[in-house]
C-alpha atoms as a PDB file:
ATOM      1  CA  UNK A   1       8.827  10.927  18.483  1.00  0.00           C
ATOM      2  CA  UNK A   2      11.810  12.147  18.961  1.00  0.00           C
ATOM      3  CA  UNK A   3      13.180   8.569  16.253  1.00  0.00           C
ATOM      4  CA  UNK A   4      10.841  10.631  13.206  1.00  0.00           C
ATOM      5  CA  UNK A   5      13.402  13.333  13.618  1.00  0.00           C
ATOM      6  CA  UNK A   6      15.427  10.890  11.745  1.00  0.00           C
ATOM      7  CA  UNK A   7      14.456  13.059   7.973  1.00  0.00           C
ATOM      8  CA  UNK A   8      16.047  16.012   8.887  1.00  0.00           C
ATOM      9  CA  UNK A   9      19.270  13.413   7.624  1.00  0.00           C
ATOM     10  CA  UNK A  10      18.157  12.053   4.400  1.00  0.00           C
ATOM     11  CA  UNK A  11      19.183  13.103   1.709  1.00  0.00           C
ATOM     12  CA  UNK A  12      15.980  14.806   0.059  1.00  0.00           C
ATOM     13  CA  UNK A  13      15.047  18.261  -0.671  1.00  0.00           C
ATOM     14  CA  UNK A  14      11.452  17.259   1.448  1.00  0.00           C
ATOM     15  CA  UNK A  15       9.848  14.615   4.209  1.00  0.00           C
ATOM     16  CA  UNK A  16       7.128  14.330   6.198  1.00  0.00           C
ATOM     17  CA  UNK A  17       6.509  11.322   8.494  1.00  0.00           C
ATOM     18  CA  UNK A  18       4.193  10.179  11.346  1.00  0.00           C
ATOM     19  CA  UNK A  19       2.680   7.630  12.868  1.00  0.00           C
ATOM     20  CA  UNK A  20      -0.166   6.596  14.088  1.00  0.00           C
ATOM     21  CA  UNK A  21      -1.699   4.213  16.852  1.00  0.00           C
ATOM     22  CA  UNK A  22      -4.132   1.521  16.406  1.00  0.00           C
ATOM     23  CA  UNK A  23      -6.814   3.146  18.285  1.00  0.00           C
ATOM     24  CA  UNK A  24      -6.463   6.311  16.171  1.00  0.00           C
ATOM     25  CA  UNK A  25      -4.115   8.915  18.451  1.00  0.00           C
ATOM     26  CA  UNK A  26      -0.975  10.265  16.248  1.00  0.00           C
ATOM     27  CA  UNK A  27       2.032   9.505  18.129  1.00  0.00           C
ATOM     28  CA  UNK A  28       4.290  11.845  16.305  1.00  0.00           C
ATOM     29  CA  UNK A  29       5.018  13.063  13.278  1.00  0.00           C
ATOM     30  CA  UNK A  30       7.968  15.491  11.838  1.00  0.00           C
ATOM     31  CA  UNK A  31       7.822  17.845   8.449  1.00  0.00           C
ATOM     32  CA  UNK A  32       5.439  19.128   6.287  1.00  0.00           C
ATOM     33  CA  UNK A  33       1.829  17.314   7.157  1.00  0.00           C
ATOM     34  CA  UNK A  34       0.050  19.587   5.117  1.00  0.00           C
ATOM     35  CA  UNK A  35       2.264  19.099   2.139  1.00  0.00           C
ATOM     36  CA  UNK A  36       1.042  17.263  -1.276  1.00  0.00           C
ATOM     37  CA  UNK A  37       3.293  14.586  -3.107  1.00  0.00           C
ATOM     38  CA  UNK A  38       2.996  12.429  -5.713  1.00  0.00           C
ATOM     39  CA  UNK A  39       2.552   8.499  -3.863  1.00  0.00           C
ATOM     40  CA  UNK A  40       3.831   6.161  -6.875  1.00  0.00           C
ATOM     41  CA  UNK A  41       2.931   3.288  -5.467  1.00  0.00           C
ATOM     42  CA  UNK A  42       1.826   3.721  -2.595  1.00  0.00           C
ATOM     43  CA  UNK A  43      -1.538   4.609  -4.418  1.00  0.00           C
ATOM     44  CA  UNK A  44      -2.308   0.999  -4.733  1.00  0.00           C
ATOM     45  CA  UNK A  45      -3.541   0.049  -1.315  1.00  0.00           C
ATOM     46  CA  UNK A  46      -6.097   2.851  -1.803  1.00  0.00           C
ATOM     47  CA  UNK A  47      -7.065   1.952  -4.822  1.00  0.00           C
ATOM     48  CA  UNK A  48      -7.425  -1.856  -3.444  1.00  0.00           C
ATOM     49  CA  UNK A  49      -9.856  -0.573  -0.612  1.00  0.00           C
ATOM     50  CA  UNK A  50     -12.102   1.067  -2.974  1.00  0.00           C
ATOM     51  CA  UNK A  51     -11.765  -2.422  -5.008  1.00  0.00           C
ATOM     52  CA  UNK A  52     -13.179  -4.605  -1.669  1.00  0.00           C
ATOM     53  CA  UNK A  53     -15.611  -1.662  -0.902  1.00  0.00           C
ATOM     54  CA  UNK A  54     -16.430  -2.861  -4.711  1.00  0.00           C
ATOM     55  CA  UNK A  55     -17.071  -6.785  -3.330  1.00  0.00           C
ATOM     56  CA  UNK A  56     -18.992  -5.864  -0.428  1.00  0.00           C
ATOM     57  CA  UNK A  57     -20.767  -3.601  -2.278  1.00  0.00           C
ATOM     58  CA  UNK A  58     -21.808  -6.509  -4.321  1.00  0.00           C
ATOM     59  CA  UNK A  59     -20.571  -4.250  -7.240  1.00  0.00           C
ATOM     60  CA  UNK A  60     -18.048  -7.136  -8.301  1.00  0.00           C
ATOM     61  CA  UNK A  61     -17.243 -10.500  -6.537  1.00  0.00           C
ATOM     62  CA  UNK A  62     -13.099 -11.525  -6.181  1.00  0.00           C
ATOM     63  CA  UNK A  63     -13.794 -14.163  -8.250  1.00  0.00           C
ATOM     64  CA  UNK A  64     -15.541 -13.180 -11.179  1.00  0.00           C
ATOM     65  CA  UNK A  65     -13.770 -12.943 -13.794  1.00  0.00           C
ATOM     66  CA  UNK A  66     -11.075 -10.410 -14.888  1.00  0.00           C
ATOM     67  CA  UNK A  67      -8.040  -9.589 -17.223  1.00  0.00           C
ATOM     68  CA  UNK A  68      -6.361 -12.318 -19.230  1.00  0.00           C
ATOM     69  CA  UNK A  69      -8.347 -15.836 -19.735  1.00  0.00           C
ATOM     70  CA  UNK A  70      -8.601 -17.650 -16.243  1.00  0.00           C
ATOM     71  CA  UNK A  71      -8.191 -14.240 -14.368  1.00  0.00           C
ATOM     72  CA  UNK A  72      -9.946 -12.921 -11.318  1.00  0.00           C
ATOM     73  CA  UNK A  73     -10.224  -9.524  -9.016  1.00  0.00           C
ATOM     74  CA  UNK A  74      -8.630 -11.670  -6.660  1.00  0.00           C
ATOM     75  CA  UNK A  75      -6.124 -12.223  -8.808  1.00  0.00           C
ATOM     76  CA  UNK A  76      -5.152  -8.660  -9.798  1.00  0.00           C
ATOM     77  CA  UNK A  77      -5.269  -7.900  -6.661  1.00  0.00           C
ATOM     78  CA  UNK A  78      -2.463 -10.002  -5.425  1.00  0.00           C
ATOM     79  CA  UNK A  79      -0.295  -9.603  -8.558  1.00  0.00           C
ATOM     80  CA  UNK A  80      -1.104 -12.911  -9.412  1.00  0.00           C
ATOM     81  CA  UNK A  81      -3.272 -12.289 -12.644  1.00  0.00           C
ATOM     82  CA  UNK A  82      -0.046 -12.727 -15.231  1.00  0.00           C
ATOM     83  CA  UNK A  83      -0.061  -9.344 -16.747  1.00  0.00           C
ATOM     84  CA  UNK A  84       3.528  -7.684 -17.442  1.00  0.00           C
ATOM     85  CA  UNK A  85       4.760  -4.969 -14.881  1.00  0.00           C
ATOM     86  CA  UNK A  86       3.776  -2.181 -17.941  1.00  0.00           C
ATOM     87  CA  UNK A  87       1.931  -3.610 -20.402  1.00  0.00           C
ATOM     88  CA  UNK A  88      -0.557  -5.771 -21.981  1.00  0.00           C
ATOM     89  CA  UNK A  89       1.081  -8.260 -21.889  1.00  0.00           C
ATOM     90  CA  UNK A  90       0.547 -11.598 -20.570  1.00  0.00           C
ATOM     91  CA  UNK A  91       3.462 -13.786 -18.785  1.00  0.00           C
ATOM     92  CA  UNK A  92       2.485 -16.580 -16.572  1.00  0.00           C
ATOM     93  CA  UNK A  93      -1.115 -18.362 -16.571  1.00  0.00           C
ATOM     94  CA  UNK A  94      -3.080 -17.081 -13.409  1.00  0.00           C
ATOM     95  CA  UNK A  95      -2.187 -17.866  -9.852  1.00  0.00           C
ATOM     96  CA  UNK A  96       2.140 -19.596 -11.143  1.00  0.00           C
ATOM     97  CA  UNK A  97       3.888 -16.166 -10.324  1.00  0.00           C
ATOM     98  CA  UNK A  98       3.816 -13.225  -8.353  1.00  0.00           C
ATOM     99  CA  UNK A  99       4.512 -10.700 -10.867  1.00  0.00           C
ATOM    100  CA  UNK A 100       4.396  -6.734  -9.962  1.00  0.00           C
ATOM    101  CA  UNK A 101       1.843  -5.389 -12.441  1.00  0.00           C
ATOM    102  CA  UNK A 102       0.947  -1.647 -13.178  1.00  0.00           C
ATOM    103  CA  UNK A 103      -1.267  -2.824 -15.392  1.00  0.00           C
ATOM    104  CA  UNK A 104      -2.767  -4.942 -13.865  1.00  0.00           C
ATOM    105  CA  UNK A 105      -4.252  -2.146 -11.312  1.00  0.00           C
ATOM    106  CA  UNK A 106      -5.129  -0.456 -13.852  1.00  0.00           C
ATOM    107  CA  UNK A 107      -7.217  -3.189 -15.554  1.00  0.00           C
ATOM    108  CA  UNK A 108      -8.508  -3.466 -12.253  1.00  0.00           C
ATOM    109  CA  UNK A 109      -9.752  -0.167 -12.161  1.00  0.00           C
ATOM    110  CA  UNK A 110     -11.288   0.025 -15.715  1.00  0.00           C
ATOM    111  CA  UNK A 111     -13.034  -3.678 -14.960  1.00  0.00           C
ATOM    112  CA  UNK A 112     -14.496  -1.455 -11.385  1.00  0.00           C
ATOM    113  CA  UNK A 113     -15.454   1.493 -12.974  1.00  0.00           C
ATOM    114  CA  UNK A 114     -17.884  -0.441 -15.758  1.00  0.00           C
ATOM    115  CA  UNK A 115     -19.128  -2.623 -12.861  1.00  0.00           C
ATOM    116  CA  UNK A 116     -20.287   0.658 -10.872  1.00  0.00           C
ATOM    117  CA  UNK A 117     -20.713   2.742 -14.374  1.00  0.00           C
ATOM    118  CA  UNK A 118     -18.618   5.473 -12.149  1.00  0.00           C
ATOM    119  CA  UNK A 119     -15.275   6.487 -13.363  1.00  0.00           C
ATOM    120  CA  UNK A 120     -13.064   4.845 -11.158  1.00  0.00           C
ATOM    121  CA  UNK A 121     -10.895   7.895  -9.624  1.00  0.00           C
ATOM    122  CA  UNK A 122     -14.845   9.257  -8.713  1.00  0.00           C
ATOM    123  CA  UNK A 123     -15.186   5.806  -7.350  1.00  0.00           C
ATOM    124  CA  UNK A 124     -12.793   6.128  -4.638  1.00  0.00           C
ATOM    125  CA  UNK A 125     -13.552   9.714  -3.894  1.00  0.00           C
ATOM    126  CA  UNK A 126     -17.004   8.707  -2.969  1.00  0.00           C
ATOM    127  CA  UNK A 127     -16.158   5.220  -1.336  1.00  0.00           C
ATOM    128  CA  UNK A 128     -12.847   5.959   0.702  1.00  0.00           C
ATOM    129  CA  UNK A 129     -11.419   9.382   0.468  1.00  0.00           C
ATOM    130  CA  UNK A 130     -14.774  12.007   1.140  1.00  0.00           C
ATOM    131  CA  UNK A 131     -15.723   8.920   3.970  1.00  0.00           C
ATOM    132  CA  UNK A 132     -12.613   9.896   5.779  1.00  0.00           C
ATOM    133  CA  UNK A 133     -11.862  13.289   5.197  1.00  0.00           C
ATOM    134  CA  UNK A 134      -9.069  12.788   2.695  1.00  0.00           C
ATOM    135  CA  UNK A 135     -10.013  16.657   1.112  1.00  0.00           C
ATOM    136  CA  UNK A 136      -6.018  16.674  -0.011  1.00  0.00           C
ATOM    137  CA  UNK A 137      -5.917  13.572  -1.341  1.00  0.00           C
ATOM    138  CA  UNK A 138      -6.796  12.324  -5.504  1.00  0.00           C
ATOM    139  CA  UNK A 139      -6.096  10.257  -8.298  1.00  0.00           C
ATOM    140  CA  UNK A 140      -5.699  11.823 -11.602  1.00  0.00           C
ATOM    141  CA  UNK A 141      -4.724   8.736 -13.394  1.00  0.00           C
ATOM    142  CA  UNK A 142      -3.776   5.525 -13.554  1.00  0.00           C
ATOM    143  CA  UNK A 143      -4.911   3.494  -9.686  1.00  0.00           C
ATOM    144  CA  UNK A 144      -1.835   1.973 -10.198  1.00  0.00           C
ATOM    145  CA  UNK A 145       0.742   5.106  -9.507  1.00  0.00           C
ATOM    146  CA  UNK A 146      -1.241   8.752 -10.199  1.00  0.00           C
ATOM    147  CA  UNK A 147      -2.497   9.209  -6.628  1.00  0.00           C
ATOM    148  CA  UNK A 148      -1.512  11.819  -4.638  1.00  0.00           C
ATOM    149  CA  UNK A 149      -1.943  12.876  -1.023  1.00  0.00           C
ATOM    150  CA  UNK A 150      -0.256  14.466   2.356  1.00  0.00           C
ATOM    151  CA  UNK A 151       0.827  12.857   5.597  1.00  0.00           C
ATOM    152  CA  UNK A 152      -2.050  14.405   7.846  1.00  0.00           C
ATOM    153  CA  UNK A 153      -4.367  12.139   4.701  1.00  0.00           C
ATOM    154  CA  UNK A 154      -2.120   9.479   4.767  1.00  0.00           C
ATOM    155  CA  UNK A 155      -2.553   8.958   8.682  1.00  0.00           C
ATOM    156  CA  UNK A 156      -6.165   8.908   8.542  1.00  0.00           C
ATOM    157  CA  UNK A 157      -6.109   5.878   5.939  1.00  0.00           C
ATOM    158  CA  UNK A 158      -3.796   4.447   7.959  1.00  0.00           C
ATOM    159  CA  UNK A 159      -5.692   4.079  10.973  1.00  0.00           C
ATOM    160  CA  UNK A 160      -8.588   2.495   9.580  1.00  0.00           C
ATOM    161  CA  UNK A 161      -6.803  -0.015   8.324  1.00  0.00           C
ATOM    162  CA  UNK A 162      -6.382  -0.826  12.027  1.00  0.00           C
ATOM    163  CA  UNK A 163      -9.915   0.378  13.076  1.00  0.00           C
ATOM    164  CA  UNK A 164     -11.863  -0.649   9.585  1.00  0.00           C
ATOM    165  CA  UNK A 165     -14.631   1.441   9.756  1.00  0.00           C
ATOM    166  CA  UNK A 166     -15.088   1.423   5.988  1.00  0.00           C
ATOM    167  CA  UNK A 167     -14.755  -2.402   5.820  1.00  0.00           C
ATOM    168  CA  UNK A 168     -15.791  -5.742   7.257  1.00  0.00           C
ATOM    169  CA  UNK A 169     -12.895  -6.408  10.036  1.00  0.00           C
ATOM    170  CA  UNK A 170     -13.041  -9.919   7.775  1.00  0.00           C
ATOM    171  CA  UNK A 171     -12.398  -8.523   4.629  1.00  0.00           C
ATOM    172  CA  UNK A 172      -9.152  -6.135   5.612  1.00  0.00           C
ATOM    173  CA  UNK A 173      -7.712  -9.383   7.354  1.00  0.00           C
ATOM    174  CA  UNK A 174      -8.293 -11.731   4.160  1.00  0.00           C
ATOM    175  CA  UNK A 175      -6.242  -8.576   2.567  1.00  0.00           C
ATOM    176  CA  UNK A 176      -3.517  -8.558   4.504  1.00  0.00           C
ATOM    177  CA  UNK A 177      -2.419 -12.064   4.658  1.00  0.00           C
ATOM    178  CA  UNK A 178      -1.282 -14.326   2.341  1.00  0.00           C
ATOM    179  CA  UNK A 179      -3.191 -14.915  -1.170  1.00  0.00           C
ATOM    180  CA  UNK A 180      -2.079 -17.542  -3.175  1.00  0.00           C
ATOM    181  CA  UNK A 181       0.717 -18.569  -1.035  1.00  0.00           C
ATOM    182  CA  UNK A 182       4.527 -19.978  -1.968  1.00  0.00           C
ATOM    183  CA  UNK A 183       4.596 -18.232  -4.883  1.00  0.00           C
ATOM    184  CA  UNK A 184       7.935 -16.268  -5.635  1.00  0.00           C
ATOM    185  CA  UNK A 185       8.569 -13.416  -7.732  1.00  0.00           C
ATOM    186  CA  UNK A 186      10.472  -9.540  -8.251  1.00  0.00           C
ATOM    187  CA  UNK A 187       9.799  -6.784  -5.760  1.00  0.00           C
ATOM    188  CA  UNK A 188      10.764  -3.548  -7.228  1.00  0.00           C
ATOM    189  CA  UNK A 189      14.285  -2.396  -6.033  1.00  0.00           C
ATOM    190  CA  UNK A 190      15.172  -5.305  -3.798  1.00  0.00           C
ATOM    191  CA  UNK A 191      15.376  -8.336  -6.207  1.00  0.00           C
ATOM    192  CA  UNK A 192      13.939 -12.010  -6.348  1.00  0.00           C
ATOM    193  CA  UNK A 193      11.579 -12.963  -3.375  1.00  0.00           C
ATOM    194  CA  UNK A 194      11.125 -16.582  -2.554  1.00  0.00           C
ATOM    195  CA  UNK A 195       8.850 -16.139  -1.828  1.00  0.00           C
ATOM    196  CA  UNK A 196       7.289 -13.241  -2.243  1.00  0.00           C
ATOM    197  CA  UNK A 197       4.244 -12.707  -0.587  1.00  0.00           C
ATOM    198  CA  UNK A 198       1.555 -10.610  -1.427  1.00  0.00           C
ATOM    199  CA  UNK A 199      -1.858  -9.240   0.662  1.00  0.00           C
ATOM    200  CA  UNK A 200      -5.091  -8.382  -1.210  1.00  0.00           C
ATOM    201  CA  UNK A 201      -3.429  -5.295  -2.498  1.00  0.00           C
ATOM    202  CA  UNK A 202      -1.012  -4.696  -0.659  1.00  0.00           C
ATOM    203  CA  UNK A 203       3.073  -6.100   0.222  1.00  0.00           C
ATOM    204  CA  UNK A 204       3.165  -8.034   3.057  1.00  0.00           C
ATOM    205  CA  UNK A 205       6.643  -8.218   4.831  1.00  0.00           C
ATOM    206  CA  UNK A 206       6.572 -12.077   5.981  1.00  0.00           C
ATOM    207  CA  UNK A 207      10.623 -13.661   5.948  1.00  0.00           C
ATOM    208  CA  UNK A 208      11.849 -11.454   3.372  1.00  0.00           C
ATOM    209  CA  UNK A 209      15.227 -10.534   3.273  1.00  0.00           C
ATOM    210  CA  UNK A 210      16.212  -7.697   1.928  1.00  0.00           C
ATOM    211  CA  UNK A 211      13.017  -5.772   3.054  1.00  0.00           C
ATOM    212  CA  UNK A 212      11.860  -1.618   3.280  1.00  0.00           C
ATOM    213  CA  UNK A 213      10.696  -2.443   6.548  1.00  0.00           C
ATOM    214  CA  UNK A 214      12.627  -2.815   9.460  1.00  0.00           C
ATOM    215  CA  UNK A 215      14.717  -5.800  11.084  1.00  0.00           C
ATOM    216  CA  UNK A 216      12.666  -5.321  14.012  1.00  0.00           C
ATOM    217  CA  UNK A 217       8.853  -4.996  11.507  1.00  0.00           C
ATOM    218  CA  UNK A 218       7.005  -8.433  12.794  1.00  0.00           C
ATOM    219  CA  UNK A 219       6.279 -10.781  10.098  1.00  0.00           C
ATOM    220  CA  UNK A 220       1.899  -9.798   9.501  1.00  0.00           C
ATOM    221  CA  UNK A 221       3.773  -5.677   8.189  1.00  0.00           C
ATOM    222  CA  UNK A 222       2.009  -5.127   5.303  1.00  0.00           C
ATOM    223  CA  UNK A 223       2.179  -1.809   3.264  1.00  0.00           C
ATOM    224  CA  UNK A 224       3.051  -0.426   0.346  1.00  0.00           C
ATOM    225  CA  UNK A 225       6.374   1.666  -1.025  1.00  0.00           C
ATOM    226  CA  UNK A 226       6.539   4.203  -4.736  1.00  0.00           C
ATOM    227  CA  UNK A 227       9.309   4.897  -6.043  1.00  0.00           C
ATOM    228  CA  UNK A 228       8.062   8.409  -5.453  1.00  0.00           C
ATOM    229  CA  UNK A 229      10.211   7.787  -1.908  1.00  0.00           C
ATOM    230  CA  UNK A 230       7.221   7.413  -0.353  1.00  0.00           C
ATOM    231  CA  UNK A 231       5.880   4.218   2.113  1.00  0.00           C
ATOM    232  CA  UNK A 232       2.931   2.971   3.995  1.00  0.00           C
ATOM    233  CA  UNK A 233       3.856   0.469   6.348  1.00  0.00           C
ATOM    234  CA  UNK A 234       1.597  -1.039   9.295  1.00  0.00           C
ATOM    235  CA  UNK A 235       2.656  -3.350  12.621  1.00  0.00           C
ATOM    236  CA  UNK A 236      -0.492  -5.138  13.941  1.00  0.00           C
ATOM    237  CA  UNK A 237       2.295  -6.404  16.236  1.00  0.00           C
ATOM    238  CA  UNK A 238       3.678  -2.625  17.855  1.00  0.00           C
ATOM    239  CA  UNK A 239      -0.320  -1.801  17.033  1.00  0.00           C
ATOM    240  CA  UNK A 240       0.487   1.515  14.875  1.00  0.00           C
ATOM    241  CA  UNK A 241       1.018   2.878  11.283  1.00  0.00           C
ATOM    242  CA  UNK A 242       4.354   4.859   9.157  1.00  0.00           C
ATOM    243  CA  UNK A 243       3.706   6.822   6.783  1.00  0.00           C
ATOM    244  CA  UNK A 244       6.581   8.862   5.235  1.00  0.00           C
ATOM    245  CA  UNK A 245       6.409  10.832   1.968  1.00  0.00           C
ATOM    246  CA  UNK A 246       9.262  12.306  -0.097  1.00  0.00           C
ATOM    247  CA  UNK A 247      10.072  14.299  -2.762  1.00  0.00           C
ATOM    248  CA  UNK A 248      12.952  12.194  -4.467  1.00  0.00           C
ATOM    249  CA  UNK A 249      13.198   9.288  -6.594  1.00  0.00           C
ATOM    250  CA  UNK A 250      13.484   6.082  -4.691  1.00  0.00           C
ATOM    251  CA  UNK A 251      17.000   4.577  -4.964  1.00  0.00           C
ATOM    252  CA  UNK A 252      20.066   3.503  -2.634  1.00  0.00           C
ATOM    253  CA  UNK A 253      19.151   6.363  -0.602  1.00  0.00           C
ATOM    254  CA  UNK A 254      16.019   5.079   1.094  1.00  0.00           C
ATOM    255  CA  UNK A 255      17.155   1.238   1.492  1.00  0.00           C
ATOM    256  CA  UNK A 256      20.130   2.958   3.672  1.00  0.00           C
ATOM    257  CA  UNK A 257      17.774   5.015   5.799  1.00  0.00           C
ATOM    258  CA  UNK A 258      14.284   3.801   5.737  1.00  0.00           C
ATOM    259  CA  UNK A 259      14.691   0.445   7.500  1.00  0.00           C
ATOM    260  CA  UNK A 260      16.671   2.444  10.452  1.00  0.00           C
ATOM    261  CA  UNK A 261      13.768   5.057  10.700  1.00  0.00           C
ATOM    262  CA  UNK A 262      11.037   2.162  10.984  1.00  0.00           C
ATOM    263  CA  UNK A 263      13.245   0.631  13.880  1.00  0.00           C
ATOM    264  CA  UNK A 264      13.828   3.501  15.425  1.00  0.00           C
ATOM    265  CA  UNK A 265      10.318   3.901  15.381  1.00  0.00           C
ATOM    266  CA  UNK A 266       8.812   0.579  16.782  1.00  0.00           C
ATOM    267  CA  UNK A 267      11.994   0.468  19.512  1.00  0.00           C
ATOM    268  CA  UNK A 268      10.564   4.173  20.778  1.00  0.00           C
ATOM    269  CA  UNK A 269       6.826   2.516  20.563  1.00  0.00           C
ATOM    270  CA  UNK A 270       8.316   0.011  22.746  1.00  0.00           C
ATOM    271  CA  UNK A 271       9.956   1.587  24.954  1.00  0.00           C
ATOM    272  CA  UNK A 272       6.732   4.035  25.928  1.00  0.00           C
ATOM    273  CA  UNK A 273       4.754   1.034  26.357  1.00  0.00           C
END
């Protein structure tokens, strides 16, 4: 895809990007696809997928208690447990505000580890990474932010998100629809959003503005970006997903170039139909 060559001009030392269609075919790629990058919060969709598999296996239930008083696994996945961003402090009653929380995902990881008697990084490996052949991906720490992966590996995950083999399609459909609709909150890097729609581990574009995806991205687009300069989105209306990994921290440069890349990719996909 010619559009992916745009990453050549990004103000970053290294970048790699690729697009995978819903049928699993790679539409295009550019850059060092096998280079490992820190994912930052792009770790969260991987952790969420493992959590959803734990639900399907019966190890945990979405609506069982987890986290602060009144909170559940569902609340933790949807950033509505009330936990603060990066500390064990309750800032709101569960289900009342969208408070983006690394702590919530760490509590979730601990909860699943206790329920399965398997350390969460090992559970993620056994449930998600190994079955998908994501051999270059690992979680050496927090399920909120410490994943390391490659574009090649994340393409496998992005293909799975579009045509799930590990999860029941209805489980993934629920995870990529709005959980606790209408809640306001801050989208990191983009300010207060009303509403700040989120699924179960996946951020949902809907009508958010400003946003890290493109002006042409469908409201059903979902995914995540990371403060290490990384993103993964799936646009069901376009029938494709895009992964981009860099080694420069998120900042104004990303706010400028990411939507332009997304719109160029979507335009090229549409013209190829």
